[in-house]
Amino acid sequence: MNLRWLVCGAGNLHIVGPCPECYATQGGLLLGTVASTFKGRIPARCVDCGKVIDYYVDAQEEKIWKLEPVEAKGLRVEA
């Protein structure tokens, strides 16, 4: 899956790409927008099925990582 950066004249970057949930059946398209200096988590929403996929982006470097949940167990440690 390839995502694309589209630079907007207003100083924003738009993330555009195929939806992993419905692209094959509905042609789903993910869309997310960040400021050109943004670094952090962004939810990209599919305009067809509404599914939200979380990404971590570094807009200045134009890098994107897909965030996936991992199983974790909590433990309290007294110091």
N, C-alpha and C. Protein backbone atom coordinates (compact mmCIF):
# COMPACT_ATOMS: atom_id res chain seq x y z
N MET A 1 0.85 -1.18 0.00
CA MET A 1 0.00 0.00 0.00
C MET A 1 0.89 1.24 0.00
N ASN A 2 0.64 2.12 -0.91
CA ASN A 2 1.38 3.37 -0.98
C ASN A 2 0.48 4.53 -0.60
N LEU A 3 0.99 5.38 0.30
CA LEU A 3 0.31 6.62 0.64
C LEU A 3 1.05 7.75 -0.05
N ARG A 4 0.35 8.82 -0.36
CA ARG A 4 0.95 9.96 -1.03
C ARG A 4 0.80 11.21 -0.19
N TRP A 5 1.79 12.12 -0.29
CA TRP A 5 1.73 13.44 0.32
C TRP A 5 1.30 14.43 -0.75
N LEU A 6 0.33 15.24 -0.47
CA LEU A 6 -0.07 16.32 -1.36
C LEU A 6 0.09 17.63 -0.61
N VAL A 7 0.88 18.55 -1.15
CA VAL A 7 1.14 19.82 -0.50
C VAL A 7 0.05 20.82 -0.90
N CYS A 8 -0.50 21.46 0.11
CA CYS A 8 -1.57 22.44 -0.09
C CYS A 8 -0.97 23.84 0.02
N GLY A 9 -1.50 24.77 -0.72
CA GLY A 9 -1.00 26.14 -0.69
C GLY A 9 -1.16 26.82 0.65
N ALA A 10 -2.00 26.28 1.53
CA ALA A 10 -2.24 26.87 2.84
C ALA A 10 -1.21 26.41 3.88
N GLY A 11 -0.18 25.66 3.46
CA GLY A 11 0.83 25.20 4.41
C GLY A 11 0.50 23.86 5.03
N ASN A 12 -0.49 23.17 4.51
CA ASN A 12 -0.85 21.85 5.01
C ASN A 12 -0.36 20.76 4.06
N LEU A 13 -0.26 19.55 4.60
CA LEU A 13 0.03 18.37 3.80
C LEU A 13 -1.15 17.43 3.93
N HIS A 14 -1.57 16.87 2.83
CA HIS A 14 -2.68 15.92 2.84
C HIS A 14 -2.11 14.53 2.57
N ILE A 15 -2.53 13.57 3.37
CA ILE A 15 -2.14 12.18 3.19
C ILE A 15 -3.29 11.49 2.47
N VAL A 16 -2.99 10.86 1.35
CA VAL A 16 -4.01 10.21 0.54
C VAL A 16 -3.52 8.81 0.17
N GLY A 17 -4.42 7.82 0.29
CA GLY A 17 -4.03 6.46 -0.09
C GLY A 17 -5.21 5.52 -0.04
N PRO A 18 -5.01 4.28 -0.48
CA PRO A 18 -6.09 3.29 -0.49
C PRO A 18 -6.44 2.81 0.92
N CYS A 19 -7.70 2.56 1.16
CA CYS A 19 -8.16 2.05 2.45
C CYS A 19 -7.89 0.55 2.52
N PRO A 20 -7.19 0.07 3.54
CA PRO A 20 -6.93 -1.37 3.64
C PRO A 20 -8.19 -2.19 3.91
N GLU A 21 -9.25 -1.56 4.37
CA GLU A 21 -10.50 -2.27 4.66
C GLU A 21 -11.38 -2.48 3.43
N CYS A 22 -11.51 -1.46 2.59
CA CYS A 22 -12.52 -1.56 1.53
C CYS A 22 -12.02 -1.20 0.13
N TYR A 23 -10.74 -0.98 -0.04
CA TYR A 23 -10.25 -0.55 -1.35
C TYR A 23 -10.59 -1.57 -2.45
N ALA A 24 -10.43 -2.86 -2.16
CA ALA A 24 -10.67 -3.90 -3.18
C ALA A 24 -12.14 -4.00 -3.57
N THR A 25 -13.05 -3.69 -2.64
CA THR A 25 -14.47 -3.85 -2.94
C THR A 25 -15.19 -2.54 -3.26
N GLN A 26 -14.78 -1.45 -2.59
CA GLN A 26 -15.48 -0.18 -2.78
C GLN A 26 -14.60 0.93 -3.36
N GLY A 27 -13.29 0.66 -3.50
CA GLY A 27 -12.38 1.69 -3.99
C GLY A 27 -12.10 2.74 -2.94
N GLY A 28 -12.14 2.35 -1.66
CA GLY A 28 -11.98 3.28 -0.54
C GLY A 28 -10.71 4.11 -0.58
N LEU A 29 -10.82 5.34 -0.13
CA LEU A 29 -9.72 6.29 -0.16
C LEU A 29 -9.53 6.90 1.22
N LEU A 30 -8.31 6.75 1.79
CA LEU A 30 -7.98 7.37 3.07
C LEU A 30 -7.58 8.81 2.86
N LEU A 31 -7.95 9.67 3.80
CA LEU A 31 -7.58 11.07 3.72
C LEU A 31 -7.28 11.59 5.11
N GLY A 32 -6.13 12.25 5.25
CA GLY A 32 -5.75 12.89 6.51
C GLY A 32 -5.01 14.17 6.20
N THR A 33 -5.08 15.16 7.09
CA THR A 33 -4.44 16.45 6.86
C THR A 33 -3.64 16.85 8.09
N VAL A 34 -2.41 17.35 7.85
CA VAL A 34 -1.55 17.83 8.93
C VAL A 34 -0.89 19.13 8.50
N ALA A 35 -0.41 19.88 9.49
CA ALA A 35 0.39 21.07 9.19
C ALA A 35 1.75 20.63 8.67
N SER A 36 2.41 21.46 7.92
CA SER A 36 3.68 21.10 7.29
C SER A 36 4.80 20.86 8.29
N THR A 37 4.60 21.24 9.56
CA THR A 37 5.62 21.02 10.59
C THR A 37 5.20 19.95 11.60
N PHE A 38 4.07 19.28 11.36
CA PHE A 38 3.51 18.33 12.32
C PHE A 38 4.37 17.07 12.46
N LYS A 39 4.46 16.58 13.69
CA LYS A 39 5.13 15.32 13.99
C LYS A 39 4.32 14.65 15.09
N GLY A 40 3.68 13.53 14.77
CA GLY A 40 2.86 12.84 15.76
C GLY A 40 1.82 11.94 15.13
N ARG A 41 0.83 11.57 15.94
CA ARG A 41 -0.21 10.64 15.53
C ARG A 41 -1.31 11.37 14.78
N ILE A 42 -1.77 10.75 13.68
CA ILE A 42 -2.87 11.31 12.92
C ILE A 42 -3.83 10.19 12.53
N PRO A 43 -5.12 10.40 12.74
CA PRO A 43 -6.10 9.45 12.23
C PRO A 43 -6.48 9.81 10.80
N ALA A 44 -6.37 8.85 9.89
CA ALA A 44 -6.80 9.06 8.50
C ALA A 44 -8.11 8.31 8.31
N ARG A 45 -9.13 8.98 7.82
CA ARG A 45 -10.47 8.40 7.67
C ARG A 45 -10.74 8.05 6.22
N CYS A 46 -11.35 6.88 6.01
CA CYS A 46 -11.75 6.47 4.68
C CYS A 46 -13.02 7.23 4.29
N VAL A 47 -13.01 7.83 3.11
CA VAL A 47 -14.17 8.61 2.67
C VAL A 47 -15.32 7.71 2.20
N ASP A 48 -15.06 6.40 2.02
CA ASP A 48 -16.11 5.49 1.58
C ASP A 48 -16.72 4.69 2.73
N CYS A 49 -15.89 3.99 3.53
CA CYS A 49 -16.43 3.14 4.59
C CYS A 49 -16.38 3.79 5.97
N GLY A 50 -15.65 4.89 6.12
CA GLY A 50 -15.58 5.60 7.39
C GLY A 50 -14.57 5.03 8.37
N LYS A 51 -13.88 3.95 8.04
CA LYS A 51 -12.88 3.35 8.93
C LYS A 51 -11.75 4.36 9.18
N VAL A 52 -11.27 4.40 10.43
CA VAL A 52 -10.16 5.28 10.78
C VAL A 52 -8.91 4.43 10.99
N ILE A 53 -7.84 4.79 10.31
CA ILE A 53 -6.55 4.12 10.43
C ILE A 53 -5.58 5.14 11.03
N ASP A 54 -4.87 4.74 12.09
CA ASP A 54 -3.93 5.64 12.75
C ASP A 54 -2.54 5.51 12.15
N TYR A 55 -1.92 6.67 11.94
CA TYR A 55 -0.56 6.74 11.42
C TYR A 55 0.26 7.66 12.31
N TYR A 56 1.56 7.45 12.31
CA TYR A 56 2.49 8.39 12.93
C TYR A 56 3.21 9.06 11.78
N VAL A 57 3.23 10.38 11.76
CA VAL A 57 3.84 11.09 10.64
C VAL A 57 4.89 12.08 11.12
N ASP A 58 5.88 12.29 10.28
CA ASP A 58 6.85 13.37 10.44
C ASP A 58 6.75 14.16 9.14
N ALA A 59 5.98 15.24 9.17
CA ALA A 59 5.67 15.98 7.94
C ALA A 59 6.91 16.63 7.33
N GLN A 60 7.82 17.10 8.15
CA GLN A 60 9.02 17.74 7.60
C GLN A 60 9.89 16.73 6.84
N GLU A 61 9.93 15.50 7.31
CA GLU A 61 10.71 14.45 6.65
C GLU A 61 9.89 13.69 5.62
N GLU A 62 8.58 13.95 5.58
CA GLU A 62 7.63 13.25 4.71
C GLU A 62 7.71 11.75 4.89
N LYS A 63 7.62 11.32 6.17
CA LYS A 63 7.64 9.90 6.51
C LYS A 63 6.35 9.55 7.24
N ILE A 64 5.86 8.33 6.97
CA ILE A 64 4.61 7.86 7.57
C ILE A 64 4.81 6.43 8.05
N TRP A 65 4.33 6.15 9.28
CA TRP A 65 4.35 4.79 9.82
C TRP A 65 2.94 4.43 10.24
N LYS A 66 2.50 3.23 9.89
CA LYS A 66 1.17 2.76 10.30
C LYS A 66 1.26 2.30 11.75
N LEU A 67 0.34 2.77 12.58
CA LEU A 67 0.27 2.36 13.98
C LEU A 67 -0.67 1.17 14.10
N GLU A 68 -0.20 0.13 14.77
CA GLU A 68 -1.03 -1.05 15.00
C GLU A 68 -1.02 -1.36 16.50
N PRO A 69 -2.17 -1.72 17.05
CA PRO A 69 -2.23 -2.04 18.48
C PRO A 69 -1.45 -3.32 18.78
N VAL A 70 -0.85 -3.35 19.95
CA VAL A 70 -0.16 -4.55 20.42
C VAL A 70 -0.76 -4.96 21.75
N GLU A 71 -0.69 -6.24 22.06
CA GLU A 71 -1.21 -6.72 23.33
C GLU A 71 -0.23 -6.35 24.44
N ALA A 72 -0.74 -5.80 25.52
CA ALA A 72 0.10 -5.39 26.63
C ALA A 72 -0.59 -5.73 27.95
N LYS A 73 0.19 -6.07 28.94
CA LYS A 73 -0.33 -6.34 30.27
C LYS A 73 0.30 -5.36 31.23
N GLY A 74 -0.51 -4.81 32.10
CA GLY A 74 -0.01 -3.82 33.06
C GLY A 74 0.47 -4.48 34.35
N LEU A 75 1.40 -3.83 34.99
CA LEU A 75 1.95 -4.28 36.27
C LEU A 75 2.37 -3.05 37.04
N ARG A 76 1.98 -2.98 38.29
CA ARG A 76 2.36 -1.84 39.13
C ARG A 76 3.56 -2.26 39.97
N VAL A 77 4.60 -1.45 39.93
CA VAL A 77 5.83 -1.71 40.69
C VAL A 77 5.99 -0.61 41.72
N GLU A 78 6.13 -0.99 42.95
CA GLU A 78 6.35 -0.02 44.03
C GLU A 78 7.85 0.18 44.21
N ALA A 79 8.28 1.42 44.22
CA ALA A 79 9.71 1.72 44.36
C ALA A 79 10.10 1.99 45.80
